[in-house]
Amino acid sequence: NASLTTTITLTGIVAVFVMMTMAVALS
């Protein structure tokens, strides 16, 4: 039952981590 701010922050962190991983692989 986390707040909306916590949910958005956690979703953004995971998305950034996924983008970094795939960006390194593409590079």
mmCIF file of all heavy atoms, coordinates in Angstrom:
data_MODEL
# 
_entry.id   MODEL 
# 
loop_
_atom_site.group_PDB 
_atom_site.id 
_atom_site.type_symbol 
_atom_site.label_atom_id 
_atom_site.label_alt_id 
_atom_site.label_comp_id 
_atom_site.label_asym_id 
_atom_site.label_entity_id 
_atom_site.label_seq_id 
_atom_site.pdbx_PDB_ins_code 
_atom_site.Cartn_x 
_atom_site.Cartn_y 
_atom_site.Cartn_z 
_atom_site.occupancy 
_atom_site.B_iso_or_equiv 
_atom_site.pdbx_formal_charge 
_atom_site.auth_seq_id 
_atom_site.auth_comp_id 
_atom_site.auth_asym_id 
_atom_site.auth_atom_id 
_atom_site.pdbx_PDB_model_num 
ATOM 1   N N   . ASN A 1 1  ? 0.824  -1.205 0.000   1.00 0.00 ? 1  ASN A N   1 
ATOM 2   C CA  . ASN A 1 1  ? 0.000  0.000  0.000   1.00 0.00 ? 1  ASN A CA  1 
ATOM 3   C C   . ASN A 1 1  ? 0.864  1.264  0.000   1.00 0.00 ? 1  ASN A C   1 
ATOM 4   O O   . ASN A 1 1  ? 0.636  2.208  0.778   1.00 0.00 ? 1  ASN A O   1 
ATOM 5   C CB  . ASN A 1 1  ? -0.955 0.013  1.196   1.00 0.00 ? 1  ASN A CB  1 
ATOM 6   C CG  . ASN A 1 1  ? -2.013 -1.064 1.100   1.00 0.00 ? 1  ASN A CG  1 
ATOM 7   O OD1 . ASN A 1 1  ? -2.486 -1.371 0.013   1.00 0.00 ? 1  ASN A OD1 1 
ATOM 8   N ND2 . ASN A 1 1  ? -2.382 -1.644 2.242   1.00 0.00 ? 1  ASN A ND2 1 
ATOM 9   N N   . ALA A 1 2  ? 1.886  1.284  -0.864  1.00 0.00 ? 2  ALA A N   1 
ATOM 10  C CA  . ALA A 1 2  ? 2.771  2.445  -0.932  1.00 0.00 ? 2  ALA A CA  1 
ATOM 11  C C   . ALA A 1 2  ? 2.068  3.603  -1.606  1.00 0.00 ? 2  ALA A C   1 
ATOM 12  O O   . ALA A 1 2  ? 1.073  3.442  -2.332  1.00 0.00 ? 2  ALA A O   1 
ATOM 13  C CB  . ALA A 1 2  ? 4.041  2.078  -1.700  1.00 0.00 ? 2  ALA A CB  1 
ATOM 14  N N   . SER A 1 3  ? 2.594  4.785  -1.377  1.00 0.00 ? 3  SER A N   1 
ATOM 15  C CA  . SER A 1 3  ? 2.010  5.988  -1.963  1.00 0.00 ? 3  SER A CA  1 
ATOM 16  C C   . SER A 1 3  ? 2.293  6.048  -3.461  1.00 0.00 ? 3  SER A C   1 
ATOM 17  O O   . SER A 1 3  ? 3.147  5.321  -3.990  1.00 0.00 ? 3  SER A O   1 
ATOM 18  C CB  . SER A 1 3  ? 2.572  7.242  -1.284  1.00 0.00 ? 3  SER A CB  1 
ATOM 19  O OG  . SER A 1 3  ? 3.985  7.315  -1.498  1.00 0.00 ? 3  SER A OG  1 
ATOM 20  N N   . LEU A 1 4  ? 1.580  6.937  -4.141  1.00 0.00 ? 4  LEU A N   1 
ATOM 21  C CA  . LEU A 1 4  ? 1.765  7.085  -5.584  1.00 0.00 ? 4  LEU A CA  1 
ATOM 22  C C   . LEU A 1 4  ? 3.149  7.604  -5.910  1.00 0.00 ? 4  LEU A C   1 
ATOM 23  O O   . LEU A 1 4  ? 3.765  7.184  -6.896  1.00 0.00 ? 4  LEU A O   1 
ATOM 24  C CB  . LEU A 1 4  ? 0.688  8.032  -6.139  1.00 0.00 ? 4  LEU A CB  1 
ATOM 25  C CG  . LEU A 1 4  ? 0.723  8.284  -7.640  1.00 0.00 ? 4  LEU A CG  1 
ATOM 26  C CD1 . LEU A 1 4  ? 0.539  6.997  -8.416  1.00 0.00 ? 4  LEU A CD1 1 
ATOM 27  C CD2 . LEU A 1 4  ? -0.340 9.311  -8.033  1.00 0.00 ? 4  LEU A CD2 1 
ATOM 28  N N   . THR A 1 5  ? 3.663  8.501  -5.077  1.00 0.00 ? 5  THR A N   1 
ATOM 29  C CA  . THR A 1 5  ? 4.999  9.042  -5.324  1.00 0.00 ? 5  THR A CA  1 
ATOM 30  C C   . THR A 1 5  ? 6.046  7.942  -5.242  1.00 0.00 ? 5  THR A C   1 
ATOM 31  O O   . THR A 1 5  ? 6.963  7.861  -6.072  1.00 0.00 ? 5  THR A O   1 
ATOM 32  C CB  . THR A 1 5  ? 5.316  10.147 -4.315  1.00 0.00 ? 5  THR A CB  1 
ATOM 33  O OG1 . THR A 1 5  ? 4.288  11.143 -4.378  1.00 0.00 ? 5  THR A OG1 1 
ATOM 34  C CG2 . THR A 1 5  ? 6.659  10.779 -4.618  1.00 0.00 ? 5  THR A CG2 1 
ATOM 35  N N   . THR A 1 6  ? 5.913  7.069  -4.250  1.00 0.00 ? 6  THR A N   1 
ATOM 36  C CA  . THR A 1 6  ? 6.862  5.958  -4.100  1.00 0.00 ? 6  THR A CA  1 
ATOM 37  C C   . THR A 1 6  ? 6.764  5.009  -5.296  1.00 0.00 ? 6  THR A C   1 
ATOM 38  O O   . THR A 1 6  ? 7.786  4.533  -5.815  1.00 0.00 ? 6  THR A O   1 
ATOM 39  C CB  . THR A 1 6  ? 6.569  5.201  -2.799  1.00 0.00 ? 6  THR A CB  1 
ATOM 40  O OG1 . THR A 1 6  ? 6.624  6.124  -1.707  1.00 0.00 ? 6  THR A OG1 1 
ATOM 41  C CG2 . THR A 1 6  ? 7.585  4.090  -2.587  1.00 0.00 ? 6  THR A CG2 1 
ATOM 42  N N   . THR A 1 7  ? 5.552  4.750  -5.739  1.00 0.00 ? 7  THR A N   1 
ATOM 43  C CA  . THR A 1 7  ? 5.376  3.838  -6.882  1.00 0.00 ? 7  THR A CA  1 
ATOM 44  C C   . THR A 1 7  ? 6.006  4.422  -8.145  1.00 0.00 ? 7  THR A C   1 
ATOM 45  O O   . THR A 1 7  ? 6.711  3.720  -8.893  1.00 0.00 ? 7  THR A O   1 
ATOM 46  C CB  . THR A 1 7  ? 3.882  3.585  -7.117  1.00 0.00 ? 7  THR A CB  1 
ATOM 47  O OG1 . THR A 1 7  ? 3.303  3.054  -5.921  1.00 0.00 ? 7  THR A OG1 1 
ATOM 48  C CG2 . THR A 1 7  ? 3.663  2.613  -8.260  1.00 0.00 ? 7  THR A CG2 1 
ATOM 49  N N   . ILE A 1 8  ? 5.767  5.721  -8.386  1.00 0.00 ? 8  ILE A N   1 
ATOM 50  C CA  . ILE A 1 8  ? 6.341  6.345  -9.588  1.00 0.00 ? 8  ILE A CA  1 
ATOM 51  C C   . ILE A 1 8  ? 7.855  6.375  -9.504  1.00 0.00 ? 8  ILE A C   1 
ATOM 52  O O   . ILE A 1 8  ? 8.558  6.126  -10.497 1.00 0.00 ? 8  ILE A O   1 
ATOM 53  C CB  . ILE A 1 8  ? 5.765  7.760  -9.752  1.00 0.00 ? 8  ILE A CB  1 
ATOM 54  C CG1 . ILE A 1 8  ? 4.259  7.694  -10.050 1.00 0.00 ? 8  ILE A CG1 1 
ATOM 55  C CG2 . ILE A 1 8  ? 6.486  8.498  -10.878 1.00 0.00 ? 8  ILE A CG2 1 
ATOM 56  C CD1 . ILE A 1 8  ? 3.598  9.042  -10.104 1.00 0.00 ? 8  ILE A CD1 1 
ATOM 57  N N   . THR A 1 9  ? 8.384  6.667  -8.297  1.00 0.00 ? 9  THR A N   1 
ATOM 58  C CA  . THR A 1 9  ? 9.839  6.721  -8.153  1.00 0.00 ? 9  THR A CA  1 
ATOM 59  C C   . THR A 1 9  ? 10.460 5.353  -8.394  1.00 0.00 ? 9  THR A C   1 
ATOM 60  O O   . THR A 1 9  ? 11.473 5.227  -9.111  1.00 0.00 ? 9  THR A O   1 
ATOM 61  C CB  . THR A 1 9  ? 10.194 7.214  -6.741  1.00 0.00 ? 9  THR A CB  1 
ATOM 62  O OG1 . THR A 1 9  ? 9.585  8.493  -6.521  1.00 0.00 ? 9  THR A OG1 1 
ATOM 63  C CG2 . THR A 1 9  ? 11.692 7.325  -6.572  1.00 0.00 ? 9  THR A CG2 1 
ATOM 64  N N   . LEU A 1 10 ? 9.864  4.320  -7.820  1.00 0.00 ? 10 LEU A N   1 
ATOM 65  C CA  . LEU A 1 10 ? 10.408 2.970  -8.004  1.00 0.00 ? 10 LEU A CA  1 
ATOM 66  C C   . LEU A 1 10 ? 10.313 2.538  -9.464  1.00 0.00 ? 10 LEU A C   1 
ATOM 67  O O   . LEU A 1 10 ? 11.244 1.940  -10.012 1.00 0.00 ? 10 LEU A O   1 
ATOM 68  C CB  . LEU A 1 10 ? 9.643  1.997  -7.102  1.00 0.00 ? 10 LEU A CB  1 
ATOM 69  C CG  . LEU A 1 10 ? 10.165 0.551  -7.048  1.00 0.00 ? 10 LEU A CG  1 
ATOM 70  C CD1 . LEU A 1 10 ? 11.612 0.528  -6.578  1.00 0.00 ? 10 LEU A CD1 1 
ATOM 71  C CD2 . LEU A 1 10 ? 9.290  -0.310 -6.137  1.00 0.00 ? 10 LEU A CD2 1 
ATOM 72  N N   . THR A 1 11 ? 9.206  2.883  -10.123 1.00 0.00 ? 11 THR A N   1 
ATOM 73  C CA  . THR A 1 11 ? 9.061  2.537  -11.545 1.00 0.00 ? 11 THR A CA  1 
ATOM 74  C C   . THR A 1 11 ? 10.101 3.256  -12.395 1.00 0.00 ? 11 THR A C   1 
ATOM 75  O O   . THR A 1 11 ? 10.694 2.679  -13.320 1.00 0.00 ? 11 THR A O   1 
ATOM 76  C CB  . THR A 1 11 ? 7.651  2.896  -12.027 1.00 0.00 ? 11 THR A CB  1 
ATOM 77  O OG1 . THR A 1 11 ? 6.683  2.213  -11.230 1.00 0.00 ? 11 THR A OG1 1 
ATOM 78  C CG2 . THR A 1 11 ? 7.458  2.520  -13.482 1.00 0.00 ? 11 THR A CG2 1 
ATOM 79  N N   . GLY A 1 12 ? 10.353 4.530  -12.094 1.00 0.00 ? 12 GLY A N   1 
ATOM 80  C CA  . GLY A 1 12 ? 11.358 5.271  -12.839 1.00 0.00 ? 12 GLY A CA  1 
ATOM 81  C C   . GLY A 1 12 ? 12.758 4.734  -12.635 1.00 0.00 ? 12 GLY A C   1 
ATOM 82  O O   . GLY A 1 12 ? 13.553 4.670  -13.580 1.00 0.00 ? 12 GLY A O   1 
ATOM 83  N N   . ILE A 1 13 ? 13.085 4.332  -11.387 1.00 0.00 ? 13 ILE A N   1 
ATOM 84  C CA  . ILE A 1 13 ? 14.424 3.778  -11.121 1.00 0.00 ? 13 ILE A CA  1 
ATOM 85  C C   . ILE A 1 13 ? 14.635 2.488  -11.908 1.00 0.00 ? 13 ILE A C   1 
ATOM 86  O O   . ILE A 1 13 ? 15.690 2.270  -12.521 1.00 0.00 ? 13 ILE A O   1 
ATOM 87  C CB  . ILE A 1 13 ? 14.601 3.558  -9.613  1.00 0.00 ? 13 ILE A CB  1 
ATOM 88  C CG1 . ILE A 1 13 ? 14.639 4.911  -8.886  1.00 0.00 ? 13 ILE A CG1 1 
ATOM 89  C CG2 . ILE A 1 13 ? 15.871 2.763  -9.333  1.00 0.00 ? 13 ILE A CG2 1 
ATOM 90  C CD1 . ILE A 1 13 ? 14.666 4.783  -7.376  1.00 0.00 ? 13 ILE A CD1 1 
ATOM 91  N N   . VAL A 1 14 ? 13.640 1.620  -11.889 1.00 0.00 ? 14 VAL A N   1 
ATOM 92  C CA  . VAL A 1 14 ? 13.760 0.353  -12.633 1.00 0.00 ? 14 VAL A CA  1 
ATOM 93  C C   . VAL A 1 14 ? 13.883 0.617  -14.129 1.00 0.00 ? 14 VAL A C   1 
ATOM 94  O O   . VAL A 1 14 ? 14.690 -0.015 -14.833 1.00 0.00 ? 14 VAL A O   1 
ATOM 95  C CB  . VAL A 1 14 ? 12.562 -0.555 -12.323 1.00 0.00 ? 14 VAL A CB  1 
ATOM 96  C CG1 . VAL A 1 14 ? 12.585 -1.789 -13.215 1.00 0.00 ? 14 VAL A CG1 1 
ATOM 97  C CG2 . VAL A 1 14 ? 12.569 -0.962 -10.870 1.00 0.00 ? 14 VAL A CG2 1 
ATOM 98  N N   . ALA A 1 15 ? 13.104 1.588  -14.646 1.00 0.00 ? 15 ALA A N   1 
ATOM 99  C CA  . ALA A 1 15 ? 13.178 1.898  -16.073 1.00 0.00 ? 15 ALA A CA  1 
ATOM 100 C C   . ALA A 1 15 ? 14.554 2.446  -16.444 1.00 0.00 ? 15 ALA A C   1 
ATOM 101 O O   . ALA A 1 15 ? 15.117 2.092  -17.490 1.00 0.00 ? 15 ALA A O   1 
ATOM 102 C CB  . ALA A 1 15 ? 12.082 2.897  -16.442 1.00 0.00 ? 15 ALA A CB  1 
ATOM 103 N N   . VAL A 1 16 ? 15.125 3.318  -15.588 1.00 0.00 ? 16 VAL A N   1 
ATOM 104 C CA  . VAL A 1 16 ? 16.459 3.854  -15.860 1.00 0.00 ? 16 VAL A CA  1 
ATOM 105 C C   . VAL A 1 16 ? 17.488 2.740  -15.835 1.00 0.00 ? 16 VAL A C   1 
ATOM 106 O O   . VAL A 1 16 ? 18.412 2.700  -16.682 1.00 0.00 ? 16 VAL A O   1 
ATOM 107 C CB  . VAL A 1 16 ? 16.795 4.958  -14.839 1.00 0.00 ? 16 VAL A CB  1 
ATOM 108 C CG1 . VAL A 1 16 ? 18.262 5.353  -14.946 1.00 0.00 ? 16 VAL A CG1 1 
ATOM 109 C CG2 . VAL A 1 16 ? 15.913 6.171  -15.067 1.00 0.00 ? 16 VAL A CG2 1 
ATOM 110 N N   . PHE A 1 17 ? 17.364 1.815  -14.890 1.00 0.00 ? 17 PHE A N   1 
ATOM 111 C CA  . PHE A 1 17 ? 18.316 0.701  -14.826 1.00 0.00 ? 17 PHE A CA  1 
ATOM 112 C C   . PHE A 1 17 ? 18.233 -0.169 -16.077 1.00 0.00 ? 17 PHE A C   1 
ATOM 113 O O   . PHE A 1 17 ? 19.253 -0.599 -16.621 1.00 0.00 ? 17 PHE A O   1 
ATOM 114 C CB  . PHE A 1 17 ? 18.042 -0.116 -13.566 1.00 0.00 ? 17 PHE A CB  1 
ATOM 115 C CG  . PHE A 1 17 ? 19.095 -1.135 -13.267 1.00 0.00 ? 17 PHE A CG  1 
ATOM 116 C CD1 . PHE A 1 17 ? 20.355 -0.769 -12.807 1.00 0.00 ? 17 PHE A CD1 1 
ATOM 117 C CD2 . PHE A 1 17 ? 18.853 -2.490 -13.482 1.00 0.00 ? 17 PHE A CD2 1 
ATOM 118 C CE1 . PHE A 1 17 ? 21.330 -1.711 -12.550 1.00 0.00 ? 17 PHE A CE1 1 
ATOM 119 C CE2 . PHE A 1 17 ? 19.820 -3.437 -13.223 1.00 0.00 ? 17 PHE A CE2 1 
ATOM 120 C CZ  . PHE A 1 17 ? 21.067 -3.036 -12.758 1.00 0.00 ? 17 PHE A CZ  1 
ATOM 121 N N   . VAL A 1 18 ? 17.016 -0.407 -16.561 1.00 0.00 ? 18 VAL A N   1 
ATOM 122 C CA  . VAL A 1 18 ? 16.847 -1.209 -17.775 1.00 0.00 ? 18 VAL A CA  1 
ATOM 123 C C   . VAL A 1 18 ? 17.439 -0.484 -18.980 1.00 0.00 ? 18 VAL A C   1 
ATOM 124 O O   . VAL A 1 18 ? 18.147 -1.080 -19.811 1.00 0.00 ? 18 VAL A O   1 
ATOM 125 C CB  . VAL A 1 18 ? 15.356 -1.509 -18.004 1.00 0.00 ? 18 VAL A CB  1 
ATOM 126 C CG1 . VAL A 1 18 ? 15.159 -2.214 -19.356 1.00 0.00 ? 18 VAL A CG1 1 
ATOM 127 C CG2 . VAL A 1 18 ? 14.812 -2.378 -16.902 1.00 0.00 ? 18 VAL A CG2 1 
ATOM 128 N N   . MET A 1 19 ? 17.199 0.834  -19.068 1.00 0.00 ? 19 MET A N   1 
ATOM 129 C CA  . MET A 1 19 ? 17.738 1.601  -20.186 1.00 0.00 ? 19 MET A CA  1 
ATOM 130 C C   . MET A 1 19 ? 19.259 1.620  -20.168 1.00 0.00 ? 19 MET A C   1 
ATOM 131 O O   . MET A 1 19 ? 19.909 1.513  -21.205 1.00 0.00 ? 19 MET A O   1 
ATOM 132 C CB  . MET A 1 19 ? 17.184 3.025  -20.149 1.00 0.00 ? 19 MET A CB  1 
ATOM 133 C CG  . MET A 1 19 ? 15.772 3.145  -20.688 1.00 0.00 ? 19 MET A CG  1 
ATOM 134 S SD  . MET A 1 19 ? 15.282 4.871  -20.896 1.00 0.00 ? 19 MET A SD  1 
ATOM 135 C CE  . MET A 1 19 ? 15.217 5.393  -19.192 1.00 0.00 ? 19 MET A CE  1 
ATOM 136 N N   . MET A 1 20 ? 19.851 1.766  -18.980 1.00 0.00 ? 20 MET A N   1 
ATOM 137 C CA  . MET A 1 20 ? 21.311 1.764  -18.881 1.00 0.00 ? 20 MET A CA  1 
ATOM 138 C C   . MET A 1 20 ? 21.895 0.428  -19.339 1.00 0.00 ? 20 MET A C   1 
ATOM 139 O O   . MET A 1 20 ? 22.880 0.386  -20.076 1.00 0.00 ? 20 MET A O   1 
ATOM 140 C CB  . MET A 1 20 ? 21.737 2.069  -17.441 1.00 0.00 ? 20 MET A CB  1 
ATOM 141 C CG  . MET A 1 20 ? 21.471 3.499  -16.984 1.00 0.00 ? 20 MET A CG  1 
ATOM 142 S SD  . MET A 1 20 ? 21.891 3.740  -15.253 1.00 0.00 ? 20 MET A SD  1 
ATOM 143 C CE  . MET A 1 20 ? 23.615 3.256  -15.275 1.00 0.00 ? 20 MET A CE  1 
ATOM 144 N N   . THR A 1 21 ? 21.264 -0.652 -18.888 1.00 0.00 ? 21 THR A N   1 
ATOM 145 C CA  . THR A 1 21 ? 21.771 -1.982 -19.284 1.00 0.00 ? 21 THR A CA  1 
ATOM 146 C C   . THR A 1 21 ? 21.701 -2.171 -20.793 1.00 0.00 ? 21 THR A C   1 
ATOM 147 O O   . THR A 1 21 ? 22.674 -2.597 -21.438 1.00 0.00 ? 21 THR A O   1 
ATOM 148 C CB  . THR A 1 21 ? 20.963 -3.071 -18.583 1.00 0.00 ? 21 THR A CB  1 
ATOM 149 O OG1 . THR A 1 21 ? 21.019 -2.864 -17.165 1.00 0.00 ? 21 THR A OG1 1 
ATOM 150 C CG2 . THR A 1 21 ? 21.495 -4.447 -18.915 1.00 0.00 ? 21 THR A CG2 1 
ATOM 151 N N   . MET A 1 22 ? 20.564 -1.846 -21.393 1.00 0.00 ? 22 MET A N   1 
ATOM 152 C CA  . MET A 1 22 ? 20.422 -2.044 -22.839 1.00 0.00 ? 22 MET A CA  1 
ATOM 153 C C   . MET A 1 22 ? 21.264 -1.044 -23.623 1.00 0.00 ? 22 MET A C   1 
ATOM 154 O O   . MET A 1 22 ? 21.748 -1.362 -24.713 1.00 0.00 ? 22 MET A O   1 
ATOM 155 C CB  . MET A 1 22 ? 18.952 -1.928 -23.231 1.00 0.00 ? 22 MET A CB  1 
ATOM 156 C CG  . MET A 1 22 ? 18.058 -2.923 -22.497 1.00 0.00 ? 22 MET A CG  1 
ATOM 157 S SD  . MET A 1 22 ? 16.432 -3.106 -23.216 1.00 0.00 ? 22 MET A SD  1 
ATOM 158 C CE  . MET A 1 22 ? 16.824 -3.999 -24.686 1.00 0.00 ? 22 MET A CE  1 
ATOM 159 N N   . ALA A 1 23 ? 21.453 0.169  -23.086 1.00 0.00 ? 23 ALA A N   1 
ATOM 160 C CA  . ALA A 1 23 ? 22.312 1.133  -23.767 1.00 0.00 ? 23 ALA A CA  1 
ATOM 161 C C   . ALA A 1 23 ? 23.760 0.667  -23.788 1.00 0.00 ? 23 ALA A C   1 
ATOM 162 O O   . ALA A 1 23 ? 24.466 0.818  -24.795 1.00 0.00 ? 23 ALA A O   1 
ATOM 163 C CB  . ALA A 1 23 ? 22.199 2.494  -23.087 1.00 0.00 ? 23 ALA A CB  1 
ATOM 164 N N   . VAL A 1 24 ? 24.224 0.074  -22.679 1.00 0.00 ? 24 VAL A N   1 
ATOM 165 C CA  . VAL A 1 24 ? 25.588 -0.469 -22.654 1.00 0.00 ? 24 VAL A CA  1 
ATOM 166 C C   . VAL A 1 24 ? 25.729 -1.604 -23.666 1.00 0.00 ? 24 VAL A C   1 
ATOM 167 O O   . VAL A 1 24 ? 26.729 -1.695 -24.396 1.00 0.00 ? 24 VAL A O   1 
ATOM 168 C CB  . VAL A 1 24 ? 25.943 -0.935 -21.232 1.00 0.00 ? 24 VAL A CB  1 
ATOM 169 C CG1 . VAL A 1 24 ? 27.268 -1.688 -21.226 1.00 0.00 ? 24 VAL A CG1 1 
ATOM 170 C CG2 . VAL A 1 24 ? 26.014 0.256  -20.275 1.00 0.00 ? 24 VAL A CG2 1 
ATOM 171 N N   . ALA A 1 25 ? 24.731 -2.491 -23.731 1.00 0.00 ? 25 ALA A N   1 
ATOM 172 C CA  . ALA A 1 25 ? 24.783 -3.595 -24.701 1.00 0.00 ? 25 ALA A CA  1 
ATOM 173 C C   . ALA A 1 25 ? 24.787 -3.066 -26.128 1.00 0.00 ? 25 ALA A C   1 
ATOM 174 O O   . ALA A 1 25 ? 25.539 -3.551 -27.001 1.00 0.00 ? 25 ALA A O   1 
ATOM 175 C CB  . ALA A 1 25 ? 23.602 -4.538 -24.487 1.00 0.00 ? 25 ALA A CB  1 
ATOM 176 N N   . LEU A 1 26 ? 23.966 -2.035 -26.403 1.00 0.00 ? 26 LEU A N   1 
ATOM 177 C CA  . LEU A 1 26 ? 23.963 -1.457 -27.749 1.00 0.00 ? 26 LEU A CA  1 
ATOM 178 C C   . LEU A 1 26 ? 25.286 -0.789 -28.064 1.00 0.00 ? 26 LEU A C   1 
ATOM 179 O O   . LEU A 1 26 ? 25.787 -0.874 -29.203 1.00 0.00 ? 26 LEU A O   1 
ATOM 180 C CB  . LEU A 1 26 ? 22.827 -0.434 -27.857 1.00 0.00 ? 26 LEU A CB  1 
ATOM 181 C CG  . LEU A 1 26 ? 21.402 -0.997 -27.938 1.00 0.00 ? 26 LEU A CG  1 
ATOM 182 C CD1 . LEU A 1 26 ? 20.397 0.145  -27.985 1.00 0.00 ? 26 LEU A CD1 1 
ATOM 183 C CD2 . LEU A 1 26 ? 21.236 -1.879 -29.163 1.00 0.00 ? 26 LEU A CD2 1 
ATOM 184 N N   . SER A 1 27 ? 25.869 -0.121 -27.099 1.00 0.00 ? 27 SER A N   1 
ATOM 185 C CA  . SER A 1 27 ? 27.159 0.530  -27.333 1.00 0.00 ? 27 SER A CA  1 
ATOM 186 C C   . SER A 1 27 ? 28.239 -0.491 -27.658 1.00 0.00 ? 27 SER A C   1 
ATOM 187 O O   . SER A 1 27 ? 29.047 -0.299 -28.577 1.00 0.00 ? 27 SER A O   1 
ATOM 188 C CB  . SER A 1 27 ? 27.546 1.350  -26.098 1.00 0.00 ? 27 SER A CB  1 
ATOM 189 O OG  . SER A 1 27 ? 28.821 1.924  -26.273 1.00 0.00 ? 27 SER A OG  1 
# 
